[in-house]
Amino acid sequence: MTTSDRVSSVMVVDDEPGIRTALRANFQRHGWRVETAACVREAVSHLEGKQFDLVVTDIRMPDGTGVEVMRATRRLSPGTAVILLTAYGSVPDAVSAMRDGALDYLTKPISFDHLQAAAAKVMHVARQTAVEDDSPVGGIVGRSPLLQRALQRARAAARTSADVLVEAESGTGKELLARFIHDSSDRSGKPFVAVNCAAVPEALLESELFGHGRGAFTGAVMAKAGKFELADGGTILLDEIGEMPLHLQPKLLRALQEREFERLGEARSVHVDIRVIATTNVSLAAMVERGQFRSDLFYRLNVIPLSLPALRDRKEDIPALAQYFAEKHAAQSQARVPQLLPEFLHRLQTHSWPGNVRELANFMRRVVTLSDTRVIDGACFDREFHGSAHTSTLSRGRSPAVLAGTPIHELERLHVENTLALTDGNRTHAAVMLGISLRTLRNRIREYGLPPRRTA
């Protein structure tokens, strides 16, 4: 096999059974994994459920054309290379196909050696393009169709000035997606300002967002610009927008509609040119129905709705994510990158990861930090998830034996996790037991990638 050292996958789309059979046999003989489809509808169905390195498709089929297959591939799996085959080749068709995104255009009949050479060429181009396309994403790692579809929508959103609402579970990477949109937009050279609506005390949130004048309240000895002002020309991220108090929502709505506001304690209007991205891990539409969120503010935010898939829905990305976090945490510790054995990766893929990528990141940090070996196997997974002495004793309510050198943040995470387990996930009761506010507990749960809320 000449395209890469790993096994590559191809989907062959042709309505002629003889051609499908011949191409399948030839690709398999050269070590490829092969799927076939007899029509456009079947090809799109395959693309929605699987990731392919290459699609080879005929132009003319009973229910459509290969160009439709190619466009579906660009939409569902941007990193996949596409070759069009036709017995009716012409220069205008070739130019049109290449403009629409095909990487090569071959006329039947064609030798398989020629097709194999074309496949090697277009897959190299597609992979280089995928690296370039993914480079601004930062910590968003993966090639699953669901993730690539989300990034494709984000790239499209970045080309506009419209406000964006990202609804996704905790730990999926909403802030990373917001930064990606900013970095991919024409505002990339301007400020990106993030404010966590859940982390700022309610009494200070208005000042944090819009600023205040001198003497606006006790302790306001000088005027201060708010986050909206600091983001002028760039992007403001309103993280956890569902935590925005109802009494502040009208002022936020006016700021979004008019791009102007008044600092707290001042009558002068401040005008800004900003792009607003809001994120939430709850359904704002459901909050509107319960009277917990203003409908007009929801509609104003929901200009371009985006989402990110939960990790359980893109388990094929888990090995790449695990390797990414292993390398990251090893570098931070100035240690050698451990080898992740297949049995360890398999266990990672069978876990549900209710805390999503953040939970996986924290788990990999724990594994890399606490492991005394450079080879991470299935026993390491079992030990950290099921056989840990301090985890089992905490779950029974007894004091754990603390290992010397265990990071403070890791002890705090375990303490919060087991207090939640003791209260059956009731955050209100757990906050009382821990002697912290409910808002602080929510922040800790997000920070440590703990499972999402089960009760209050």
Protein backbone atom coordinates (compact mmCIF):
# COMPACT_ATOMS: atom_id res chain seq x y z
CA MET A 1 0.00 0.00 0.00
CA THR A 2 1.49 3.31 -1.06
CA THR A 3 -0.69 5.98 0.53
CA SER A 4 0.40 5.62 4.16
CA ASP A 5 1.64 3.15 6.71
CA ARG A 6 -1.79 2.75 8.28
CA VAL A 7 -4.83 1.07 6.75
CA SER A 8 -6.79 3.56 4.64
CA SER A 9 -10.50 3.47 3.93
CA VAL A 10 -12.30 4.15 0.66
CA MET A 11 -15.92 4.30 -0.45
CA VAL A 12 -16.60 3.31 -4.06
CA VAL A 13 -19.83 4.75 -5.50
CA ASP A 14 -21.04 3.38 -8.84
CA ASP A 15 -24.37 2.07 -10.09
CA GLU A 16 -22.69 -0.69 -12.16
CA PRO A 17 -22.20 -3.84 -10.02
CA GLY A 18 -19.27 -5.05 -12.12
CA ILE A 19 -17.28 -1.85 -11.59
CA ARG A 20 -18.03 -1.85 -7.84
CA THR A 21 -16.85 -5.47 -7.56
CA ALA A 22 -13.67 -4.85 -9.56
CA LEU A 23 -12.70 -1.72 -7.65
CA ARG A 24 -13.46 -3.38 -4.30
CA ALA A 25 -11.22 -6.33 -5.16
CA ASN A 26 -8.37 -4.13 -6.37
CA PHE A 27 -8.46 -1.79 -3.38
CA GLN A 28 -8.66 -4.72 -0.94
CA ARG A 29 -5.72 -6.41 -2.63
CA HIS A 30 -3.67 -3.30 -1.88
CA GLY A 31 -4.69 -3.30 1.79
CA TRP A 32 -7.59 -0.82 1.82
CA ARG A 33 -10.79 -1.07 3.85
CA VAL A 34 -13.61 -0.76 1.32
CA GLU A 35 -17.29 0.20 1.43
CA THR A 36 -19.46 0.41 -1.67
CA ALA A 37 -22.62 2.27 -2.60
CA ALA A 38 -24.85 1.90 -5.64
CA CYS A 39 -26.47 5.34 -5.57
CA VAL A 40 -26.22 8.85 -4.14
CA ARG A 41 -28.62 8.14 -1.27
CA GLU A 42 -26.65 5.08 -0.11
CA ALA A 43 -23.37 7.01 -0.35
CA VAL A 44 -24.67 9.88 1.79
CA SER A 45 -25.96 7.38 4.35
CA HIS A 46 -22.47 5.87 4.62
CA LEU A 47 -20.92 9.34 4.98
CA GLU A 48 -23.27 10.22 7.83
CA GLY A 49 -22.14 7.23 9.86
CA LYS A 50 -18.48 6.66 8.93
CA GLN A 51 -15.24 8.44 8.18
CA PHE A 52 -13.40 7.69 4.92
CA ASP A 53 -9.98 8.73 3.71
CA LEU A 54 -11.09 8.61 0.07
CA VAL A 55 -14.31 8.61 -1.96
CA VAL A 56 -14.20 7.37 -5.58
CA THR A 57 -17.53 8.10 -7.26
CA ASP A 58 -19.05 7.81 -10.69
CA ILE A 59 -20.64 10.94 -12.16
CA ARG A 60 -23.93 9.57 -13.49
CA MET A 61 -26.23 7.51 -11.26
CA PRO A 62 -29.98 6.81 -11.26
CA ASP A 63 -30.83 9.12 -8.35
CA GLY A 64 -28.31 11.90 -8.88
CA THR A 65 -24.70 12.67 -9.71
CA GLY A 66 -21.24 12.19 -8.31
CA VAL A 67 -21.07 15.95 -7.81
CA GLU A 68 -23.85 15.58 -5.20
CA VAL A 69 -21.81 12.86 -3.48
CA MET A 70 -18.78 15.15 -3.57
CA ARG A 71 -20.70 18.06 -2.04
CA ALA A 72 -22.08 15.80 0.69
CA THR A 73 -18.52 14.66 1.39
CA ARG A 74 -17.31 18.25 1.66
CA ARG A 75 -20.17 18.96 4.11
CA LEU A 76 -19.97 15.83 6.25
CA SER A 77 -16.26 15.00 6.12
CA PRO A 78 -14.12 17.93 4.91
CA GLY A 79 -10.86 15.99 5.33
CA THR A 80 -11.87 13.25 2.85
CA ALA A 81 -10.33 13.23 -0.63
CA VAL A 82 -12.67 12.84 -3.64
CA ILE A 83 -11.98 11.42 -7.11
CA LEU A 84 -14.68 11.56 -9.79
CA LEU A 85 -14.89 8.88 -12.49
CA THR A 86 -16.88 9.23 -15.68
CA ALA A 87 -17.19 7.73 -19.13
CA TYR A 88 -18.38 11.10 -20.40
CA GLY A 89 -15.41 13.31 -19.54
CA SER A 90 -15.08 16.81 -20.90
CA VAL A 91 -12.95 19.83 -20.06
CA PRO A 92 -15.92 21.96 -18.83
CA ASP A 93 -17.10 19.11 -16.59
CA ALA A 94 -13.59 18.70 -15.20
CA VAL A 95 -13.20 22.42 -14.49
CA SER A 96 -16.62 22.55 -12.80
CA ALA A 97 -15.89 19.48 -10.68
CA MET A 98 -12.51 20.80 -9.53
CA ARG A 99 -14.07 24.15 -8.66
CA ASP A 100 -16.69 22.38 -6.53
CA GLY A 101 -14.05 20.51 -4.55
CA ALA A 102 -13.00 17.36 -6.40
CA LEU A 103 -9.28 16.68 -6.09
CA ASP A 104 -9.06 14.68 -9.33
CA TYR A 105 -11.24 13.81 -12.31
CA LEU A 106 -10.55 10.60 -14.27
CA THR A 107 -12.15 9.25 -17.43
CA LYS A 108 -13.15 5.58 -17.82
CA PRO A 109 -11.77 3.14 -18.70
CA ILE A 110 -8.82 3.58 -16.34
CA SER A 111 -6.17 1.17 -15.07
CA PHE A 112 -6.12 0.52 -11.36
CA ASP A 113 -2.45 1.51 -11.22
CA HIS A 114 -3.43 4.94 -12.54
CA LEU A 115 -6.27 5.16 -10.02
CA GLN A 116 -3.96 4.08 -7.18
CA ALA A 117 -1.43 6.78 -8.12
CA ALA A 118 -4.21 9.39 -8.24
CA ALA A 119 -5.45 8.21 -4.83
CA ALA A 120 -2.00 8.64 -3.28
CA LYS A 121 -1.75 12.15 -4.72
CA VAL A 122 -5.18 13.42 -3.68
CA MET A 123 -4.98 11.91 -0.18
CA HIS A 124 -1.69 13.72 0.39
CA VAL A 125 -3.32 17.00 -0.67
CA ALA A 126 -6.41 16.34 1.49
CA ARG A 127 -4.33 15.54 4.58
CA GLN A 128 -2.18 18.64 4.15
CA THR A 129 -5.34 20.72 3.78
CA ALA A 130 -6.87 19.10 6.85
CA VAL A 131 -3.79 19.98 8.92
CA GLU A 132 -3.98 23.58 7.72
CA ASP A 133 -7.73 23.76 8.36
CA ASP A 134 -7.40 22.27 11.84
CA SER A 135 -4.38 24.29 12.99
CA PRO A 136 -6.34 27.22 14.49
CA VAL A 137 -8.68 24.91 16.41
CA GLY A 138 -6.21 24.51 19.25
CA GLY A 139 -7.33 21.79 21.61
CA ILE A 140 -10.20 20.55 19.44
CA VAL A 141 -8.79 17.21 18.31
CA GLY A 142 -10.49 14.60 16.13
CA ARG A 143 -11.62 13.61 12.65
CA SER A 144 -15.03 12.09 13.34
CA PRO A 145 -17.79 13.14 10.92
CA LEU A 146 -19.82 14.77 13.70
CA LEU A 147 -16.89 16.90 14.85
CA GLN A 148 -15.85 17.84 11.33
CA ARG A 149 -19.43 18.85 10.56
CA ALA A 150 -19.44 21.12 13.62
CA LEU A 151 -16.14 22.71 12.61
CA GLN A 152 -17.38 23.19 9.05
CA ARG A 153 -20.42 25.09 10.37
CA ALA A 154 -18.15 27.12 12.64
CA ARG A 155 -15.96 28.09 9.68
CA ALA A 156 -19.06 29.22 7.80
CA ALA A 157 -20.21 31.24 10.83
CA ALA A 158 -16.77 32.86 11.08
CA ARG A 159 -17.20 34.34 7.60
CA THR A 160 -20.17 36.40 8.82
CA SER A 161 -20.58 39.03 11.53
CA ALA A 162 -23.66 37.35 12.99
CA ASP A 163 -23.96 36.45 16.66
CA VAL A 164 -23.57 32.76 17.55
CA LEU A 165 -25.15 30.54 20.20
CA VAL A 166 -23.31 27.30 21.06
CA GLU A 167 -25.40 24.76 22.96
CA ALA A 168 -23.49 21.66 24.03
CA GLU A 169 -22.79 19.55 27.08
CA SER A 170 -20.21 20.60 29.66
CA GLY A 171 -16.68 19.62 28.78
CA THR A 172 -17.15 19.38 25.00
CA GLY A 173 -14.97 22.41 24.18
CA LYS A 174 -17.41 25.28 23.69
CA GLU A 175 -14.87 27.98 24.53
CA LEU A 176 -12.34 26.43 22.16
CA LEU A 177 -14.97 26.53 19.41
CA ALA A 178 -15.67 30.19 20.19
CA ARG A 179 -11.95 31.00 19.96
CA PHE A 180 -11.76 29.09 16.69
CA ILE A 181 -14.59 31.20 15.24
CA HIS A 182 -12.82 34.38 16.32
CA ASP A 183 -9.44 33.24 14.97
CA SER A 184 -11.05 32.27 11.65
CA SER A 185 -12.85 35.60 11.24
CA ASP A 186 -11.73 39.00 10.00
CA ARG A 187 -11.68 40.08 13.66
CA SER A 188 -8.80 37.74 14.50
CA GLY A 189 -6.38 40.62 15.04
CA LYS A 190 -8.72 42.25 17.55
CA PRO A 191 -9.48 41.32 21.20
CA PHE A 192 -11.14 38.08 22.23
CA VAL A 193 -12.70 38.71 25.63
CA ALA A 194 -14.37 35.93 27.64
CA VAL A 195 -16.63 36.34 30.65
CA ASN A 196 -18.08 33.40 32.58
CA CYS A 197 -21.58 34.46 33.60
CA ALA A 198 -21.68 31.71 36.24
CA ALA A 199 -18.34 32.58 37.85
CA VAL A 200 -18.92 36.30 38.46
CA PRO A 201 -20.95 37.15 41.60
CA GLU A 202 -24.41 38.31 40.58
CA ALA A 203 -23.98 41.71 42.27
CA LEU A 204 -20.86 42.42 40.19
CA LEU A 205 -21.94 40.99 36.85
CA GLU A 206 -23.42 44.21 35.43
CA SER A 207 -20.24 46.12 36.22
CA GLU A 208 -18.12 43.27 34.82
CA LEU A 209 -20.00 43.37 31.52
CA PHE A 210 -20.67 47.07 31.04
CA GLY A 211 -18.22 48.83 33.37
CA HIS A 212 -18.99 51.53 35.93
CA GLY A 213 -18.43 55.19 36.56
CA ARG A 214 -16.61 56.70 39.51
CA GLY A 215 -18.73 56.53 42.63
CA ALA A 216 -21.28 54.21 41.06
CA PHE A 217 -21.18 52.06 44.19
CA THR A 218 -19.18 51.73 47.39
CA GLY A 219 -15.57 51.06 46.48
CA ALA A 220 -15.84 52.42 42.92
CA VAL A 221 -13.08 54.99 43.40
CA MET A 222 -12.47 55.32 39.66
CA ALA A 223 -14.25 54.59 36.40
CA LYS A 224 -13.68 51.17 34.84
CA ALA A 225 -14.39 49.79 31.38
CA GLY A 226 -16.40 46.56 31.17
CA LYS A 227 -15.86 43.49 29.03
CA PHE A 228 -18.06 44.79 26.21
CA GLU A 229 -15.88 47.89 25.93
CA LEU A 230 -12.65 45.90 26.09
CA ALA A 231 -13.87 43.68 23.25
CA ASP A 232 -14.52 46.62 20.89
CA GLY A 233 -13.58 45.60 17.36
CA GLY A 234 -13.30 41.95 18.32
CA THR A 235 -15.35 39.18 19.91
CA ILE A 236 -16.95 38.79 23.32
CA LEU A 237 -17.71 35.31 24.66
CA LEU A 238 -20.62 35.10 27.11
CA ASP A 239 -19.91 31.71 28.65
CA GLU A 240 -22.76 29.92 30.46
CA ILE A 241 -25.27 32.54 29.31
CA GLY A 242 -28.05 30.52 30.97
CA GLU A 243 -26.76 31.77 34.32
CA MET A 244 -27.49 35.40 33.36
CA PRO A 245 -29.86 36.86 36.02
CA LEU A 246 -33.29 37.82 34.69
CA HIS A 247 -33.00 41.42 35.87
CA LEU A 248 -29.87 41.96 33.72
CA GLN A 249 -31.27 40.38 30.57
CA PRO A 250 -33.07 43.52 29.28
CA LYS A 251 -29.85 45.56 29.40
CA LEU A 252 -27.97 42.75 27.67
CA LEU A 253 -30.70 42.56 25.01
CA ARG A 254 -30.36 46.29 24.28
CA ALA A 255 -26.57 45.97 24.09
CA LEU A 256 -26.96 43.18 21.55
CA GLN A 257 -29.56 44.98 19.47
CA GLU A 258 -28.04 48.46 19.47
CA ARG A 259 -24.38 47.66 20.17
CA GLU A 260 -24.52 50.36 22.82
CA PHE A 261 -24.93 50.53 26.59
CA GLU A 262 -24.28 52.75 29.60
CA ARG A 263 -21.70 52.12 32.25
CA LEU A 264 -23.19 51.52 35.68
CA GLY A 265 -23.76 54.96 37.29
CA GLU A 266 -23.32 56.90 34.03
CA ALA A 267 -25.84 58.26 31.50
CA ARG A 268 -23.44 58.48 28.54
CA SER A 269 -23.91 55.74 25.93
CA VAL A 270 -20.93 53.71 24.82
CA HIS A 271 -20.96 52.34 21.25
CA VAL A 272 -19.03 49.19 20.36
CA ASP A 273 -18.39 47.08 17.26
CA ILE A 274 -18.34 43.50 18.50
CA ARG A 275 -19.26 39.95 17.57
CA VAL A 276 -21.09 38.09 20.35
CA ILE A 277 -20.73 34.36 20.95
CA ALA A 278 -22.79 32.85 23.77
CA THR A 279 -22.40 29.32 25.12
CA THR A 280 -24.59 27.19 27.34
CA ASN A 281 -24.76 23.62 28.59
CA VAL A 282 -28.53 23.78 29.07
CA SER A 283 -31.36 24.28 26.59
CA LEU A 284 -32.23 27.97 26.50
CA ALA A 285 -35.48 27.13 24.69
CA ALA A 286 -36.49 24.97 27.66
CA MET A 287 -35.51 27.77 30.05
CA VAL A 288 -37.71 30.15 28.05
CA GLU A 289 -40.65 27.77 28.46
CA ARG A 290 -40.04 27.68 32.24
CA GLY A 291 -39.84 31.47 32.44
CA GLN A 292 -36.16 31.39 33.41
CA PHE A 293 -34.85 33.14 30.31
CA ARG A 294 -36.30 35.93 28.16
CA SER A 295 -37.60 34.75 24.82
CA ASP A 296 -36.55 37.95 23.00
CA LEU A 297 -32.99 37.58 24.29
CA PHE A 298 -32.92 33.93 23.23
CA TYR A 299 -34.03 34.77 19.70
CA ARG A 300 -31.47 37.61 19.52
CA LEU A 301 -28.65 35.28 20.55
CA ASN A 302 -29.77 32.34 18.43
CA VAL A 303 -28.88 33.88 15.05
CA ILE A 304 -26.46 31.07 14.15
CA PRO A 305 -26.99 28.02 16.38
CA LEU A 306 -24.03 25.66 16.72
CA SER A 307 -23.34 22.55 18.77
CA LEU A 308 -20.51 20.16 19.58
CA PRO A 309 -20.97 16.39 19.84
CA ALA A 310 -20.59 14.64 23.17
CA LEU A 311 -17.50 12.45 23.43
CA ARG A 312 -19.66 9.30 23.63
CA ASP A 313 -20.90 10.14 20.11
CA ARG A 314 -17.40 10.36 18.62
CA LYS A 315 -15.52 7.56 20.31
CA GLU A 316 -13.33 7.07 17.26
CA ASP A 317 -11.57 10.31 18.30
CA ILE A 318 -10.67 9.05 21.80
CA PRO A 319 -7.28 7.46 20.89
CA ALA A 320 -6.11 10.69 19.21
CA LEU A 321 -7.36 12.76 22.15
CA ALA A 322 -5.65 10.47 24.66
CA GLN A 323 -2.36 10.76 22.77
CA TYR A 324 -2.74 14.54 22.55
CA PHE A 325 -3.30 14.89 26.30
CA ALA A 326 -0.53 12.42 27.13
CA GLU A 327 1.94 14.48 25.10
CA LYS A 328 0.64 17.74 26.57
CA HIS A 329 0.86 16.65 30.21
CA ALA A 330 4.21 14.91 29.71
CA ALA A 331 5.61 18.14 28.27
CA GLN A 332 4.30 20.11 31.24
CA SER A 333 6.00 17.65 33.59
CA GLN A 334 9.16 17.58 31.46
CA ALA A 335 8.77 13.81 31.27
CA ARG A 336 8.90 11.27 28.45
CA VAL A 337 5.63 10.67 26.62
CA PRO A 338 4.22 7.32 27.81
CA GLN A 339 3.26 4.59 25.36
CA LEU A 340 -0.51 4.01 25.34
CA LEU A 341 -1.16 0.33 24.70
CA PRO A 342 -4.17 -0.81 22.61
CA GLU A 343 -5.85 -2.41 25.63
CA PHE A 344 -5.72 0.95 27.47
CA LEU A 345 -7.15 2.80 24.46
CA HIS A 346 -9.89 0.18 24.12
CA ARG A 347 -10.93 0.73 27.74
CA LEU A 348 -11.01 4.46 27.14
CA GLN A 349 -13.33 3.92 24.18
CA THR A 350 -15.73 1.71 26.15
CA HIS A 351 -16.14 4.29 28.93
CA SER A 352 -19.11 6.68 28.64
CA TRP A 353 -17.22 9.90 29.63
CA PRO A 354 -20.18 11.85 31.05
CA GLY A 355 -17.80 14.79 31.62
CA ASN A 356 -16.78 14.64 27.94
CA VAL A 357 -13.36 15.81 26.72
CA ARG A 358 -12.63 17.71 29.95
CA GLU A 359 -13.11 14.52 31.97
CA LEU A 360 -10.84 12.59 29.59
CA ALA A 361 -8.21 15.35 29.79
CA ASN A 362 -8.23 15.25 33.59
CA PHE A 363 -8.07 11.47 33.61
CA MET A 364 -5.08 11.47 31.25
CA ARG A 365 -3.39 14.06 33.44
CA ARG A 366 -3.88 11.82 36.45
CA VAL A 367 -2.58 8.77 34.58
CA VAL A 368 0.50 10.57 33.22
CA THR A 369 1.26 12.29 36.53
CA LEU A 370 0.81 9.33 38.85
CA SER A 371 2.04 6.47 36.69
CA ASP A 372 5.45 5.06 37.63
CA THR A 373 5.89 3.37 34.25
CA ARG A 374 6.31 4.62 30.71
CA VAL A 375 3.88 2.02 29.36
CA ILE A 376 0.18 2.62 30.06
CA ASP A 377 -1.84 -0.60 29.85
CA GLY A 378 -5.33 -1.83 30.69
CA ALA A 379 -4.38 -2.47 34.31
CA CYS A 380 -3.57 1.23 34.67
CA PHE A 381 -7.06 2.14 33.51
CA ASP A 382 -8.65 -0.38 35.89
CA ARG A 383 -6.54 0.86 38.77
CA GLU A 384 -7.42 4.52 38.25
CA PHE A 385 -11.12 3.96 37.57
CA HIS A 386 -12.01 0.98 39.70
CA GLY A 387 -9.23 -0.21 42.00
CA SER A 388 -7.82 2.99 43.51
CA ALA A 389 -7.48 2.64 47.27
CA HIS A 390 -8.39 6.22 48.00
CA THR A 391 -11.35 6.18 45.62
CA SER A 392 -12.84 3.06 47.18
CA THR A 393 -12.40 4.29 50.76
CA LEU A 394 -13.86 7.68 49.93
CA SER A 395 -16.93 6.04 48.42
CA ARG A 396 -17.47 4.22 51.72
CA GLY A 397 -17.16 7.48 53.67
CA ARG A 398 -13.78 6.75 55.30
CA SER A 399 -10.65 8.88 55.11
CA PRO A 400 -8.36 7.86 52.25
CA ALA A 401 -4.69 7.10 52.50
CA VAL A 402 -3.16 10.09 50.72
CA LEU A 403 -0.14 9.30 48.60
CA ALA A 404 2.75 11.70 49.13
CA GLY A 405 3.15 13.98 46.17
CA THR A 406 -0.50 13.76 45.04
CA PRO A 407 -1.35 17.19 43.55
CA ILE A 408 -3.65 19.37 45.65
CA HIS A 409 -6.05 19.88 42.74
CA GLU A 410 -6.37 16.08 42.40
CA LEU A 411 -7.27 15.71 46.09
CA GLU A 412 -9.83 18.50 45.76
CA ARG A 413 -11.33 16.85 42.68
CA LEU A 414 -11.69 13.54 44.52
CA HIS A 415 -13.21 15.30 47.54
CA VAL A 416 -15.79 17.12 45.42
CA GLU A 417 -16.55 13.99 43.39
CA ASN A 418 -17.15 11.82 46.44
CA THR A 419 -19.18 14.46 48.25
CA LEU A 420 -21.47 14.57 45.22
CA ALA A 421 -21.65 10.77 45.29
CA LEU A 422 -22.55 10.90 48.99
CA THR A 423 -25.44 13.30 48.25
CA ASP A 424 -26.58 11.29 45.20
CA GLY A 425 -25.60 14.19 42.93
CA ASN A 426 -27.54 16.86 44.83
CA ARG A 427 -25.41 19.97 44.30
CA THR A 428 -27.20 22.08 46.88
CA HIS A 429 -26.58 19.56 49.67
CA ALA A 430 -23.01 18.97 48.50
CA ALA A 431 -22.24 22.73 48.55
CA VAL A 432 -23.51 22.95 52.15
CA MET A 433 -21.36 19.98 53.20
CA LEU A 434 -18.29 21.45 51.51
CA GLY A 435 -18.86 24.91 52.98
CA ILE A 436 -18.87 26.65 49.59
CA SER A 437 -21.48 28.42 47.48
CA LEU A 438 -23.51 26.59 44.86
CA ARG A 439 -21.93 28.79 42.18
CA THR A 440 -18.42 27.84 43.36
CA LEU A 441 -19.38 24.17 43.31
CA ARG A 442 -20.63 24.52 39.74
CA ASN A 443 -17.31 26.05 38.76
CA ARG A 444 -15.40 23.18 40.37
CA ILE A 445 -17.58 20.62 38.58
CA ARG A 446 -16.84 22.29 35.24
CA GLU A 447 -13.14 22.67 36.01
CA TYR A 448 -12.68 19.02 36.95
CA GLY A 449 -14.90 17.60 34.21
CA LEU A 450 -17.20 15.83 36.65
CA PRO A 451 -20.47 14.27 35.40
CA PRO A 452 -23.27 16.69 34.52
CA ARG A 453 -26.03 17.60 36.93
CA ARG A 454 -28.40 14.86 38.06
CA THR A 455 -30.31 16.87 40.68
CA ALA A 456 -30.29 20.45 41.98
